[in-house]
PDB file of N, CA and C in Angstrom:
ATOM      1  N   MET A   1       0.850  -1.194   0.000  1.00  0.00           N
ATOM      2  CA  MET A   1       0.000   0.000   0.000  1.00  0.00           C
ATOM      3  C   MET A   1       0.885   1.244   0.000  1.00  0.00           C
ATOM      4  N   ALA A   2       0.368   2.294  -0.578  1.00  0.00           N
ATOM      5  CA  ALA A   2       1.138   3.528  -0.727  1.00  0.00           C
ATOM      6  C   ALA A   2       0.934   4.491   0.436  1.00  0.00           C
ATOM      7  N   VAL A   3       0.148   4.101   1.450  1.00  0.00           N
ATOM      8  CA  VAL A   3      -0.080   4.975   2.596  1.00  0.00           C
ATOM      9  C   VAL A   3       0.800   4.502   3.753  1.00  0.00           C
ATOM     10  N   ASN A   4       1.463   5.450   4.391  1.00  0.00           N
ATOM     11  CA  ASN A   4       2.387   5.161   5.482  1.00  0.00           C
ATOM     12  C   ASN A   4       1.785   5.563   6.820  1.00  0.00           C
ATOM     13  N   ILE A   5       2.161   4.857   7.870  1.00  0.00           N
ATOM     14  CA  ILE A   5       1.752   5.224   9.221  1.00  0.00           C
ATOM     15  C   ILE A   5       2.797   6.192   9.758  1.00  0.00           C
ATOM     16  N   VAL A   6       2.350   7.374  10.151  1.00  0.00           N
ATOM     17  CA  VAL A   6       3.262   8.408  10.636  1.00  0.00           C
ATOM     18  C   VAL A   6       3.175   8.468  12.154  1.00  0.00           C
ATOM     19  N   THR A   7       4.357   8.485  12.769  1.00  0.00           N
ATOM     20  CA  THR A   7       4.469   8.564  14.220  1.00  0.00           C
ATOM     21  C   THR A   7       5.421   9.706  14.577  1.00  0.00           C
ATOM     22  N   GLN A   8       5.493  10.005  15.846  1.00  0.00           N
ATOM     23  CA  GLN A   8       6.427  11.033  16.292  1.00  0.00           C
ATOM     24  C   GLN A   8       7.862  10.630  15.919  1.00  0.00           C
ATOM     25  N   GLU A   9       8.128   9.323  15.918  1.00  0.00           N
ATOM     26  CA  GLU A   9       9.479   8.831  15.637  1.00  0.00           C
ATOM     27  C   GLU A   9       9.879   8.964  14.168  1.00  0.00           C
ATOM     28  N   ASN A  10       8.935   8.875  13.232  1.00  0.00           N
ATOM     29  CA  ASN A  10       9.311   8.913  11.802  1.00  0.00           C
ATOM     30  C   ASN A  10       8.863  10.171  11.060  1.00  0.00           C
ATOM     31  N   MET A  11       8.229  11.100  11.755  1.00  0.00           N
ATOM     32  CA  MET A  11       7.719  12.315  11.111  1.00  0.00           C
ATOM     33  C   MET A  11       8.830  13.150  10.477  1.00  0.00           C
ATOM     34  N   ALA A  12       9.899  13.407  11.192  1.00  0.00           N
ATOM     35  CA  ALA A  12      10.989  14.244  10.664  1.00  0.00           C
ATOM     36  C   ALA A  12      11.600  13.609   9.424  1.00  0.00           C
ATOM     37  N   GLN A  13      11.766  12.306   9.435  1.00  0.00           N
ATOM     38  CA  GLN A  13      12.322  11.605   8.278  1.00  0.00           C
ATOM     39  C   GLN A  13      11.381  11.712   7.080  1.00  0.00           C
ATOM     40  N   ALA A  14      10.082  11.549   7.300  1.00  0.00           N
ATOM     41  CA  ALA A  14       9.107  11.676   6.211  1.00  0.00           C
ATOM     42  C   ALA A  14       9.193  13.058   5.575  1.00  0.00           C
ATOM     43  N   MET A  15       9.323  14.091   6.406  1.00  0.00           N
ATOM     44  CA  MET A  15       9.402  15.461   5.903  1.00  0.00           C
ATOM     45  C   MET A  15      10.704  15.706   5.142  1.00  0.00           C
ATOM     46  N   SER A  16      11.812  15.225   5.679  1.00  0.00           N
ATOM     47  CA  SER A  16      13.104  15.531   5.064  1.00  0.00           C
ATOM     48  C   SER A  16      13.354  14.747   3.776  1.00  0.00           C
ATOM     49  N   GLU A  17      12.726  13.598   3.630  1.00  0.00           N
ATOM     50  CA  GLU A  17      13.003  12.741   2.476  1.00  0.00           C
ATOM     51  C   GLU A  17      12.006  12.892   1.336  1.00  0.00           C
ATOM     52  N   ASN A  18      10.976  13.716   1.496  1.00  0.00           N
ATOM     53  CA  ASN A  18       9.921  13.823   0.481  1.00  0.00           C
ATOM     54  C   ASN A  18       9.606  15.281   0.176  1.00  0.00           C
ATOM     55  N   ASP A  19       9.451  15.581  -1.112  1.00  0.00           N
ATOM     56  CA  ASP A  19       9.119  16.944  -1.532  1.00  0.00           C
ATOM     57  C   ASP A  19       7.705  17.315  -1.094  1.00  0.00           C
ATOM     58  N   ILE A  20       6.749  16.406  -1.319  1.00  0.00           N
ATOM     59  CA  ILE A  20       5.350  16.655  -0.951  1.00  0.00           C
ATOM     60  C   ILE A  20       4.914  15.574   0.031  1.00  0.00           C
ATOM     61  N   VAL A  21       4.373  16.017   1.168  1.00  0.00           N
ATOM     62  CA  VAL A  21       3.882  15.115   2.200  1.00  0.00           C
ATOM     63  C   VAL A  21       2.426  15.469   2.483  1.00  0.00           C
ATOM     64  N   VAL A  22       1.546  14.468   2.390  1.00  0.00           N
ATOM     65  CA  VAL A  22       0.126  14.637   2.699  1.00  0.00           C
ATOM     66  C   VAL A  22      -0.156  13.830   3.956  1.00  0.00           C
ATOM     67  N   LEU A  23      -0.662  14.494   4.987  1.00  0.00           N
ATOM     68  CA  LEU A  23      -0.983  13.821   6.241  1.00  0.00           C
ATOM     69  C   LEU A  23      -2.475  13.885   6.501  1.00  0.00           C
ATOM     70  N   GLU A  24      -3.006  12.743   6.873  1.00  0.00           N
ATOM     71  CA  GLU A  24      -4.408  12.652   7.287  1.00  0.00           C
ATOM     72  C   GLU A  24      -4.424  12.336   8.777  1.00  0.00           C
ATOM     73  N   PHE A  25      -5.016  13.222   9.566  1.00  0.00           N
ATOM     74  CA  PHE A  25      -5.194  12.993  10.993  1.00  0.00           C
ATOM     75  C   PHE A  25      -6.576  12.376  11.182  1.00  0.00           C
ATOM     76  N   TRP A  26      -6.647  11.226  11.841  1.00  0.00           N
ATOM     77  CA  TRP A  26      -7.883  10.453  11.947  1.00  0.00           C
ATOM     78  C   TRP A  26      -7.926   9.701  13.271  1.00  0.00           C
ATOM     79  N   ALA A  27      -9.055   9.065  13.534  1.00  0.00           N
ATOM     80  CA  ALA A  27      -9.204   8.178  14.697  1.00  0.00           C
ATOM     81  C   ALA A  27     -10.094   7.005  14.301  1.00  0.00           C
ATOM     82  N   PRO A  28      -9.874   5.847  14.907  1.00  0.00           N
ATOM     83  CA  PRO A  28     -10.663   4.659  14.562  1.00  0.00           C
ATOM     84  C   PRO A  28     -12.165   4.819  14.791  1.00  0.00           C
ATOM     85  N   TRP A  29     -12.564   5.629  15.761  1.00  0.00           N
ATOM     86  CA  TRP A  29     -13.978   5.792  16.087  1.00  0.00           C
ATOM     87  C   TRP A  29     -14.682   6.828  15.208  1.00  0.00           C
ATOM     88  N   CYS A  30     -13.948   7.519  14.349  1.00  0.00           N
ATOM     89  CA  CYS A  30     -14.472   8.647  13.568  1.00  0.00           C
ATOM     90  C   CYS A  30     -15.108   8.160  12.261  1.00  0.00           C
ATOM     91  N   SER A  31     -16.438   8.265  12.169  1.00  0.00           N
ATOM     92  CA  SER A  31     -17.141   7.813  10.954  1.00  0.00           C
ATOM     93  C   SER A  31     -16.709   8.573   9.703  1.00  0.00           C
ATOM     94  N   PRO A  32     -16.605   9.916   9.715  1.00  0.00           N
ATOM     95  CA  PRO A  32     -16.122  10.612   8.523  1.00  0.00           C
ATOM     96  C   PRO A  32     -14.712  10.174   8.121  1.00  0.00           C
ATOM     97  N   CYS A  33     -13.883   9.869   9.109  1.00  0.00           N
ATOM     98  CA  CYS A  33     -12.523   9.393   8.805  1.00  0.00           C
ATOM     99  C   CYS A  33     -12.586   8.078   8.036  1.00  0.00           C
ATOM    100  N   ARG A  34     -13.453   7.182   8.473  1.00  0.00           N
ATOM    101  CA  ARG A  34     -13.589   5.888   7.785  1.00  0.00           C
ATOM    102  C   ARG A  34     -14.106   6.078   6.364  1.00  0.00           C
ATOM    103  N   LEU A  35     -14.949   7.082   6.146  1.00  0.00           N
ATOM    104  CA  LEU A  35     -15.430   7.376   4.792  1.00  0.00           C
ATOM    105  C   LEU A  35     -14.303   7.924   3.911  1.00  0.00           C
ATOM    106  N   PHE A  36     -13.401   8.693   4.503  1.00  0.00           N
ATOM    107  CA  PHE A  36     -12.327   9.315   3.745  1.00  0.00           C
ATOM    108  C   PHE A  36     -11.181   8.346   3.443  1.00  0.00           C
ATOM    109  N   THR A  37     -11.002   7.309   4.253  1.00  0.00           N
ATOM    110  CA  THR A  37      -9.876   6.382   4.084  1.00  0.00           C
ATOM    111  C   THR A  37      -9.748   5.837   2.665  1.00  0.00           C
ATOM    112  N   PRO A  38     -10.808   5.308   2.032  1.00  0.00           N
ATOM    113  CA  PRO A  38     -10.633   4.797   0.671  1.00  0.00           C
ATOM    114  C   PRO A  38     -10.280   5.890  -0.343  1.00  0.00           C
ATOM    115  N   VAL A  39     -10.786   7.093  -0.151  1.00  0.00           N
ATOM    116  CA  VAL A  39     -10.448   8.219  -1.035  1.00  0.00           C
ATOM    117  C   VAL A  39      -8.961   8.527  -0.914  1.00  0.00           C
ATOM    118  N   PHE A  40      -8.473   8.562   0.310  1.00  0.00           N
ATOM    119  CA  PHE A  40      -7.068   8.840   0.599  1.00  0.00           C
ATOM    120  C   PHE A  40      -6.171   7.750  -0.004  1.00  0.00           C
ATOM    121  N   GLU A  41      -6.563   6.492   0.206  1.00  0.00           N
ATOM    122  CA  GLU A  41      -5.774   5.372  -0.312  1.00  0.00           C
ATOM    123  C   GLU A  41      -5.732   5.381  -1.839  1.00  0.00           C
ATOM    124  N   GLN A  42      -6.860   5.629  -2.484  1.00  0.00           N
ATOM    125  CA  GLN A  42      -6.887   5.670  -3.950  1.00  0.00           C
ATOM    126  C   GLN A  42      -6.048   6.822  -4.487  1.00  0.00           C
ATOM    127  N   ALA A  43      -6.106   7.971  -3.828  1.00  0.00           N
ATOM    128  CA  ALA A  43      -5.291   9.115  -4.249  1.00  0.00           C
ATOM    129  C   ALA A  43      -3.808   8.779  -4.140  1.00  0.00           C
ATOM    130  N   SER A  44      -3.435   8.010  -3.118  1.00  0.00           N
ATOM    131  CA  SER A  44      -2.029   7.643  -2.953  1.00  0.00           C
ATOM    132  C   SER A  44      -1.559   6.763  -4.107  1.00  0.00           C
ATOM    133  N   LEU A  45      -2.444   5.945  -4.637  1.00  0.00           N
ATOM    134  CA  LEU A  45      -2.084   5.091  -5.769  1.00  0.00           C
ATOM    135  C   LEU A  45      -1.951   5.894  -7.057  1.00  0.00           C
ATOM    136  N   ARG A  46      -2.750   6.934  -7.194  1.00  0.00           N
ATOM    137  CA  ARG A  46      -2.703   7.782  -8.396  1.00  0.00           C
ATOM    138  C   ARG A  46      -1.567   8.801  -8.351  1.00  0.00           C
ATOM    139  N   ASN A  47      -1.039   9.085  -7.185  1.00  0.00           N
ATOM    140  CA  ASN A  47      -0.026  10.136  -6.997  1.00  0.00           C
ATOM    141  C   ASN A  47       1.193   9.542  -6.297  1.00  0.00           C
ATOM    142  N   GLN A  48       1.885   8.664  -6.987  1.00  0.00           N
ATOM    143  CA  GLN A  48       2.962   7.909  -6.349  1.00  0.00           C
ATOM    144  C   GLN A  48       4.220   8.735  -6.092  1.00  0.00           C
ATOM    145  N   ASP A  49       4.268   9.955  -6.617  1.00  0.00           N
ATOM    146  CA  ASP A  49       5.396  10.844  -6.330  1.00  0.00           C
ATOM    147  C   ASP A  49       5.216  11.580  -5.007  1.00  0.00           C
ATOM    148  N   VAL A  50       4.093  11.359  -4.345  1.00  0.00           N
ATOM    149  CA  VAL A  50       3.736  12.059  -3.113  1.00  0.00           C
ATOM    150  C   VAL A  50       3.763  11.068  -1.951  1.00  0.00           C
ATOM    151  N   TYR A  51       4.270  11.526  -0.792  1.00  0.00           N
ATOM    152  CA  TYR A  51       4.266  10.717   0.425  1.00  0.00           C
ATOM    153  C   TYR A  51       2.915  10.919   1.114  1.00  0.00           C
ATOM    154  N   PHE A  52       2.156   9.846   1.277  1.00  0.00           N
ATOM    155  CA  PHE A  52       0.873   9.874   1.971  1.00  0.00           C
ATOM    156  C   PHE A  52       1.047   9.209   3.329  1.00  0.00           C
ATOM    157  N   GLY A  53       0.656   9.907   4.384  1.00  0.00           N
ATOM    158  CA  GLY A  53       0.776   9.353   5.718  1.00  0.00           C
ATOM    159  C   GLY A  53      -0.477   9.575   6.535  1.00  0.00           C
ATOM    160  N   THR A  54      -0.750   8.616   7.409  1.00  0.00           N
ATOM    161  CA  THR A  54      -1.883   8.743   8.323  1.00  0.00           C
ATOM    162  C   THR A  54      -1.354   8.878   9.742  1.00  0.00           C
ATOM    163  N   VAL A  55      -2.017   9.728  10.504  1.00  0.00           N
ATOM    164  CA  VAL A  55      -1.659   9.937  11.907  1.00  0.00           C
ATOM    165  C   VAL A  55      -2.877   9.573  12.750  1.00  0.00           C
ATOM    166  N   ASN A  56      -2.755   8.501  13.519  1.00  0.00           N
ATOM    167  CA  ASN A  56      -3.828   8.079  14.415  1.00  0.00           C
ATOM    168  C   ASN A  56      -3.815   9.013  15.623  1.00  0.00           C
ATOM    169  N   THR A  57      -4.855   9.828  15.749  1.00  0.00           N
ATOM    170  CA  THR A  57      -4.890  10.845  16.801  1.00  0.00           C
ATOM    171  C   THR A  57      -4.983  10.233  18.203  1.00  0.00           C
ATOM    172  N   GLU A  58      -5.434   8.998  18.293  1.00  0.00           N
ATOM    173  CA  GLU A  58      -5.505   8.325  19.589  1.00  0.00           C
ATOM    174  C   GLU A  58      -4.120   7.869  20.048  1.00  0.00           C
ATOM    175  N   GLU A  59      -3.243   7.558  19.107  1.00  0.00           N
ATOM    176  CA  GLU A  59      -1.923   7.005  19.442  1.00  0.00           C
ATOM    177  C   GLU A  59      -0.797   8.032  19.377  1.00  0.00           C
ATOM    178  N   GLN A  60      -1.013   9.141  18.692  1.00  0.00           N
ATOM    179  CA  GLN A  60       0.058  10.116  18.454  1.00  0.00           C
ATOM    180  C   GLN A  60      -0.295  11.492  19.016  1.00  0.00           C
ATOM    181  N   LYS A  61      -0.652  11.532  20.282  1.00  0.00           N
ATOM    182  CA  LYS A  61      -1.099  12.783  20.903  1.00  0.00           C
ATOM    183  C   LYS A  61      -0.069  13.916  20.807  1.00  0.00           C
ATOM    184  N   PRO A  62       1.245  13.663  20.946  1.00  0.00           N
ATOM    185  CA  PRO A  62       2.199  14.768  20.790  1.00  0.00           C
ATOM    186  C   PRO A  62       2.161  15.382  19.374  1.00  0.00           C
ATOM    187  N   LEU A  63       2.011  14.566  18.341  1.00  0.00           N
ATOM    188  CA  LEU A  63       1.901  15.095  16.974  1.00  0.00           C
ATOM    189  C   LEU A  63       0.610  15.891  16.805  1.00  0.00           C
ATOM    190  N   VAL A  64      -0.467  15.373  17.361  1.00  0.00           N
ATOM    191  CA  VAL A  64      -1.768  16.050  17.278  1.00  0.00           C
ATOM    192  C   VAL A  64      -1.682  17.417  17.940  1.00  0.00           C
ATOM    193  N   SER A  65      -1.071  17.461  19.097  1.00  0.00           N
ATOM    194  CA  SER A  65      -0.912  18.720  19.820  1.00  0.00           C
ATOM    195  C   SER A  65      -0.021  19.692  19.047  1.00  0.00           C
ATOM    196  N   ALA A  66       1.105  19.198  18.544  1.00  0.00           N
ATOM    197  CA  ALA A  66       2.031  20.056  17.800  1.00  0.00           C
ATOM    198  C   ALA A  66       1.384  20.615  16.537  1.00  0.00           C
ATOM    199  N   ALA A  67       0.496  19.831  15.913  1.00  0.00           N
ATOM    200  CA  ALA A  67      -0.169  20.259  14.684  1.00  0.00           C
ATOM    201  C   ALA A  67      -1.407  21.115  14.967  1.00  0.00           C
ATOM    202  N   GLY A  68      -1.817  21.199  16.220  1.00  0.00           N
ATOM    203  CA  GLY A  68      -2.989  21.992  16.563  1.00  0.00           C
ATOM    204  C   GLY A  68      -4.287  21.409  16.032  1.00  0.00           C
ATOM    205  N   ILE A  69      -4.384  20.094  15.983  1.00  0.00           N
ATOM    206  CA  ILE A  69      -5.572  19.432  15.443  1.00  0.00           C
ATOM    207  C   ILE A  69      -6.707  19.525  16.459  1.00  0.00           C
ATOM    208  N   VAL A  70      -7.850  20.053  16.022  1.00  0.00           N
ATOM    209  CA  VAL A  70      -9.026  20.151  16.888  1.00  0.00           C
ATOM    210  C   VAL A  70     -10.229  19.426  16.305  1.00  0.00           C
ATOM    211  N   SER A  71     -10.144  19.036  15.033  1.00  0.00           N
ATOM    212  CA  SER A  71     -11.245  18.371  14.354  1.00  0.00           C
ATOM    213  C   SER A  71     -10.660  17.324  13.410  1.00  0.00           C
ATOM    214  N   ILE A  72     -11.352  16.187  13.294  1.00  0.00           N
ATOM    215  CA  ILE A  72     -10.880  15.152  12.368  1.00  0.00           C
ATOM    216  C   ILE A  72     -12.027  14.702  11.482  1.00  0.00           C
ATOM    217  N   PRO A  73     -11.725  14.251  10.283  1.00  0.00           N
ATOM    218  CA  PRO A  73     -10.376  14.176   9.723  1.00  0.00           C
ATOM    219  C   PRO A  73      -9.847  15.568   9.363  1.00  0.00           C
ATOM    220  N   THR A  74      -8.548  15.731   9.515  1.00  0.00           N
ATOM    221  CA  THR A  74      -7.867  16.938   9.055  1.00  0.00           C
ATOM    222  C   THR A  74      -6.785  16.520   8.083  1.00  0.00           C
ATOM    223  N   LEU A  75      -6.724  17.232   6.965  1.00  0.00           N
ATOM    224  CA  LEU A  75      -5.724  16.972   5.941  1.00  0.00           C
ATOM    225  C   LEU A  75      -4.724  18.120   5.963  1.00  0.00           C
ATOM    226  N   MET A  76      -3.434  17.771   5.998  1.00  0.00           N
ATOM    227  CA  MET A  76      -2.369  18.769   5.926  1.00  0.00           C
ATOM    228  C   MET A  76      -1.440  18.372   4.786  1.00  0.00           C
ATOM    229  N   ILE A  77      -1.037  19.358   3.980  1.00  0.00           N
ATOM    230  CA  ILE A  77      -0.108  19.094   2.882  1.00  0.00           C
ATOM    231  C   ILE A  77       1.100  20.001   3.057  1.00  0.00           C
ATOM    232  N   PHE A  78       2.264  19.389   2.980  1.00  0.00           N
ATOM    233  CA  PHE A  78       3.535  20.097   3.091  1.00  0.00           C
ATOM    234  C   PHE A  78       4.290  19.967   1.782  1.00  0.00           C
ATOM    235  N   ARG A  79       4.954  21.031   1.380  1.00  0.00           N
ATOM    236  CA  ARG A  79       5.867  20.982   0.239  1.00  0.00           C
ATOM    237  C   ARG A  79       7.183  21.555   0.731  1.00  0.00           C
ATOM    238  N   GLN A  80       8.238  20.792   0.563  1.00  0.00           N
ATOM    239  CA  GLN A  80       9.565  21.180   1.064  1.00  0.00           C
ATOM    240  C   GLN A  80       9.479  21.534   2.556  1.00  0.00           C
ATOM    241  N   SER A  81       8.730  20.743   3.289  1.00  0.00           N
ATOM    242  CA  SER A  81       8.534  20.876   4.739  1.00  0.00           C
ATOM    243  C   SER A  81       7.784  22.137   5.157  1.00  0.00           C
ATOM    244  N   ILE A  82       7.178  22.844   4.211  1.00  0.00           N
ATOM    245  CA  ILE A  82       6.386  24.045   4.504  1.00  0.00           C
ATOM    246  C   ILE A  82       4.905  23.688   4.369  1.00  0.00           C
ATOM    247  N   LEU A  83       4.117  23.999   5.393  1.00  0.00           N
ATOM    248  CA  LEU A  83       2.687  23.747   5.330  1.00  0.00           C
ATOM    249  C   LEU A  83       2.064  24.634   4.251  1.00  0.00           C
ATOM    250  N   VAL A  84       1.445  24.016   3.245  1.00  0.00           N
ATOM    251  CA  VAL A  84       0.830  24.785   2.160  1.00  0.00           C
ATOM    252  C   VAL A  84      -0.684  24.598   2.093  1.00  0.00           C
ATOM    253  N   PHE A  85      -1.216  23.619   2.850  1.00  0.00           N
ATOM    254  CA  PHE A  85      -2.665  23.409   2.863  1.00  0.00           C
ATOM    255  C   PHE A  85      -3.039  22.723   4.163  1.00  0.00           C
ATOM    256  N   ARG A  86      -4.186  23.157   4.721  1.00  0.00           N
ATOM    257  CA  ARG A  86      -4.718  22.532   5.929  1.00  0.00           C
ATOM    258  C   ARG A  86      -6.223  22.714   5.912  1.00  0.00           C
ATOM    259  N   GLU A  87      -6.944  21.602   6.072  1.00  0.00           N
ATOM    260  CA  GLU A  87      -8.400  21.688   6.098  1.00  0.00           C
ATOM    261  C   GLU A  87      -8.979  20.490   6.835  1.00  0.00           C
ATOM    262  N   ALA A  88      -9.968  20.754   7.665  1.00  0.00           N
ATOM    263  CA  ALA A  88     -10.710  19.687   8.320  1.00  0.00           C
ATOM    264  C   ALA A  88     -11.900  19.327   7.437  1.00  0.00           C
ATOM    265  N   GLY A  89     -12.261  18.064   7.444  1.00  0.00           N
ATOM    266  CA  GLY A  89     -13.411  17.617   6.677  1.00  0.00           C
ATOM    267  C   GLY A  89     -13.024  16.681   5.554  1.00  0.00           C
ATOM    268  N   LEU A  90     -14.017  16.330   4.757  1.00  0.00           N
ATOM    269  CA  LEU A  90     -13.823  15.347   3.692  1.00  0.00           C
ATOM    270  C   LEU A  90     -13.588  16.021   2.347  1.00  0.00           C
ATOM    271  N   LEU A  91     -12.727  15.420   1.557  1.00  0.00           N
ATOM    272  CA  LEU A  91     -12.532  15.818   0.167  1.00  0.00           C
ATOM    273  C   LEU A  91     -12.873  14.633  -0.724  1.00  0.00           C
ATOM    274  N   GLN A  92     -13.314  14.910  -1.932  1.00  0.00           N
ATOM    275  CA  GLN A  92     -13.498  13.864  -2.934  1.00  0.00           C
ATOM    276  C   GLN A  92     -12.148  13.581  -3.579  1.00  0.00           C
ATOM    277  N   GLY A  93     -12.013  12.415  -4.199  1.00  0.00           N
ATOM    278  CA  GLY A  93     -10.762  12.047  -4.840  1.00  0.00           C
ATOM    279  C   GLY A  93     -10.318  13.041  -5.895  1.00  0.00           C
ATOM    280  N   THR A  94     -11.264  13.538  -6.691  1.00  0.00           N
ATOM    281  CA  THR A  94     -10.905  14.506  -7.734  1.00  0.00           C
ATOM    282  C   THR A  94     -10.431  15.812  -7.113  1.00  0.00           C
ATOM    283  N   GLN A  95     -11.023  16.207  -5.982  1.00  0.00           N
ATOM    284  CA  GLN A  95     -10.587  17.423  -5.296  1.00  0.00           C
ATOM    285  C   GLN A  95      -9.168  17.259  -4.770  1.00  0.00           C
ATOM    286  N   LEU A  96      -8.868  16.101  -4.223  1.00  0.00           N
ATOM    287  CA  LEU A  96      -7.534  15.845  -3.697  1.00  0.00           C
ATOM    288  C   LEU A  96      -6.505  15.823  -4.826  1.00  0.00           C
ATOM    289  N   ASP A  97      -6.855  15.208  -5.952  1.00  0.00           N
ATOM    290  CA  ASP A  97      -5.946  15.196  -7.104  1.00  0.00           C
ATOM    291  C   ASP A  97      -5.678  16.610  -7.609  1.00  0.00           C
ATOM    292  N   GLU A  98      -6.719  17.428  -7.706  1.00  0.00           N
ATOM    293  CA  GLU A  98      -6.557  18.811  -8.165  1.00  0.00           C
ATOM    294  C   GLU A  98      -5.715  19.613  -7.179  1.00  0.00           C
ATOM    295  N   LEU A  99      -5.943  19.400  -5.912  1.00  0.00           N
ATOM    296  CA  LEU A  99      -5.161  20.069  -4.880  1.00  0.00           C
ATOM    297  C   LEU A  99      -3.675  19.705  -5.009  1.00  0.00           C
ATOM    298  N   LEU A 100      -3.387  18.443  -5.236  1.00  0.00           N
ATOM    299  CA  LEU A 100      -1.993  18.010  -5.400  1.00  0.00           C
ATOM    300  C   LEU A 100      -1.378  18.597  -6.664  1.00  0.00           C
ATOM    301  N   HIS A 101      -2.169  18.730  -7.711  1.00  0.00           N
ATOM    302  CA  HIS A 101      -1.690  19.389  -8.936  1.00  0.00           C
ATOM    303  C   HIS A 101      -1.279  20.830  -8.620  1.00  0.00           C
ATOM    304  N   GLN A 102      -2.109  21.530  -7.857  1.00  0.00           N
ATOM    305  CA  GLN A 102      -1.801  22.911  -7.481  1.00  0.00           C
ATOM    306  C   GLN A 102      -0.548  22.975  -6.609  1.00  0.00           C
ATOM    307  N   VAL A 103      -0.397  22.034  -5.685  1.00  0.00           N
ATOM    308  CA  VAL A 103       0.776  22.017  -4.804  1.00  0.00           C
ATOM    309  C   VAL A 103       2.043  21.777  -5.621  1.00  0.00           C
ATOM    310  N   ARG A 104       1.976  20.877  -6.597  1.00  0.00           N
ATOM    311  CA  ARG A 104       3.139  20.620  -7.452  1.00  0.00           C
ATOM    312  C   ARG A 104       3.568  21.871  -8.215  1.00  0.00           C
ATOM    313  N   ASN A 105       2.597  22.720  -8.557  1.00  0.00           N
ATOM    314  CA  ASN A 105       2.867  23.904  -9.370  1.00  0.00           C
ATOM    315  C   ASN A 105       3.151  25.164  -8.554  1.00  0.00           C
ATOM    316  N   LEU A 106       3.207  25.046  -7.242  1.00  0.00           N
ATOM    317  CA  LEU A 106       3.499  26.217  -6.413  1.00  0.00           C
ATOM    318  C   LEU A 106       4.892  26.759  -6.714  1.00  0.00           C
ATOM    319  N   ASP A 107       5.002  28.074  -6.665  1.00  0.00           N
ATOM    320  CA  ASP A 107       6.306  28.729  -6.727  1.00  0.00           C
ATOM    321  C   ASP A 107       6.812  28.765  -5.292  1.00  0.00           C
ATOM    322  N   MET A 108       7.728  27.856  -4.974  1.00  0.00           N
ATOM    323  CA  MET A 108       8.154  27.707  -3.585  1.00  0.00           C
ATOM    324  C   MET A 108       8.954  28.908  -3.087  1.00  0.00           C
ATOM    325  N   ALA A 109       9.531  29.684  -3.975  1.00  0.00           N
ATOM    326  CA  ALA A 109      10.208  30.915  -3.542  1.00  0.00           C
ATOM    327  C   ALA A 109       9.184  31.883  -2.966  1.00  0.00           C
ATOM    328  N   GLN A 110       8.016  31.993  -3.626  1.00  0.00           N
ATOM    329  CA  GLN A 110       6.952  32.855  -3.108  1.00  0.00           C
ATOM    330  C   GLN A 110       6.382  32.302  -1.807  1.00  0.00           C
ATOM    331  N   VAL A 111       6.206  30.984  -1.762  1.00  0.00           N
ATOM    332  CA  VAL A 111       5.675  30.368  -0.552  1.00  0.00           C
ATOM    333  C   VAL A 111       6.614  30.608   0.619  1.00  0.00           C
ATOM    334  N   ALA A 112       7.898  30.402   0.402  1.00  0.00           N
ATOM    335  CA  ALA A 112       8.885  30.619   1.457  1.00  0.00           C
ATOM    336  C   ALA A 112       8.915  32.082   1.918  1.00  0.00           C
ATOM    337  N   ALA A 113       8.554  32.977   1.014  1.00  0.00           N
ATOM    338  CA  ALA A 113       8.511  34.402   1.351  1.00  0.00           C
ATOM    339  C   ALA A 113       7.185  34.778   2.036  1.00  0.00           C
ATOM    340  N   GLY A 114       6.320  33.794   2.239  1.00  0.00           N
ATOM    341  CA  GLY A 114       5.080  34.042   2.957  1.00  0.00           C
ATOM    342  C   GLY A 114       3.900  34.322   2.066  1.00  0.00           C
ATOM    343  N   GLN A 115       4.020  34.032   0.767  1.00  0.00           N
ATOM    344  CA  GLN A 115       2.916  34.262  -0.173  1.00  0.00           C
ATOM    345  C   GLN A 115       2.410  32.922  -0.684  1.00  0.00           C
ATOM    346  N   GLY A 116       1.146  32.881  -1.008  1.00  0.00           N
ATOM    347  CA  GLY A 116       0.587  31.724  -1.699  1.00  0.00           C
ATOM    348  C   GLY A 116       0.284  30.521  -0.833  1.00  0.00           C
ATOM    349  N   VAL A 117       0.271  30.668   0.484  1.00  0.00           N
ATOM    350  CA  VAL A 117      -0.028  29.544   1.347  1.00  0.00           C
ATOM    351  C   VAL A 117      -1.529  29.509   1.601  1.00  0.00           C
ATOM    352  N   ALA A 118      -2.154  28.375   1.317  1.00  0.00           N
ATOM    353  CA  ALA A 118      -3.584  28.207   1.539  1.00  0.00           C
ATOM    354  C   ALA A 118      -3.806  27.565   2.900  1.00  0.00           C
ATOM    355  N   GLN A 119      -4.763  28.100   3.666  1.00  0.00           N
ATOM    356  CA  GLN A 119      -5.080  27.488   4.961  1.00  0.00           C
ATOM    357  C   GLN A 119      -6.580  27.427   5.124  1.00  0.00           C
TER     358      GLN A 119
END
């Protein structure tokens, strides 16, 4: 499978080794999270140049706290370790693919200068 389990122990490595990192914060008891899981997994198969990771909010409380997660599912996308997208709620597969297309096309010099970051 193309989706990785992200923990406090492997988060820094995931960020440093991948240009684009997509994180899904979820919990086993969360019905919307369970609905989003197949969408997330299918997107990972279509976008193999992107690192897809899941963060179990029940098991990774320090990551949840550091990320400021208050609602799940929450999707966060990083490019070159810079947060470029964050949204709680569900996305459709086509929306996620389009979002990744936009992230690939970001001018990272502008993003690093504080422009063009979507939240």
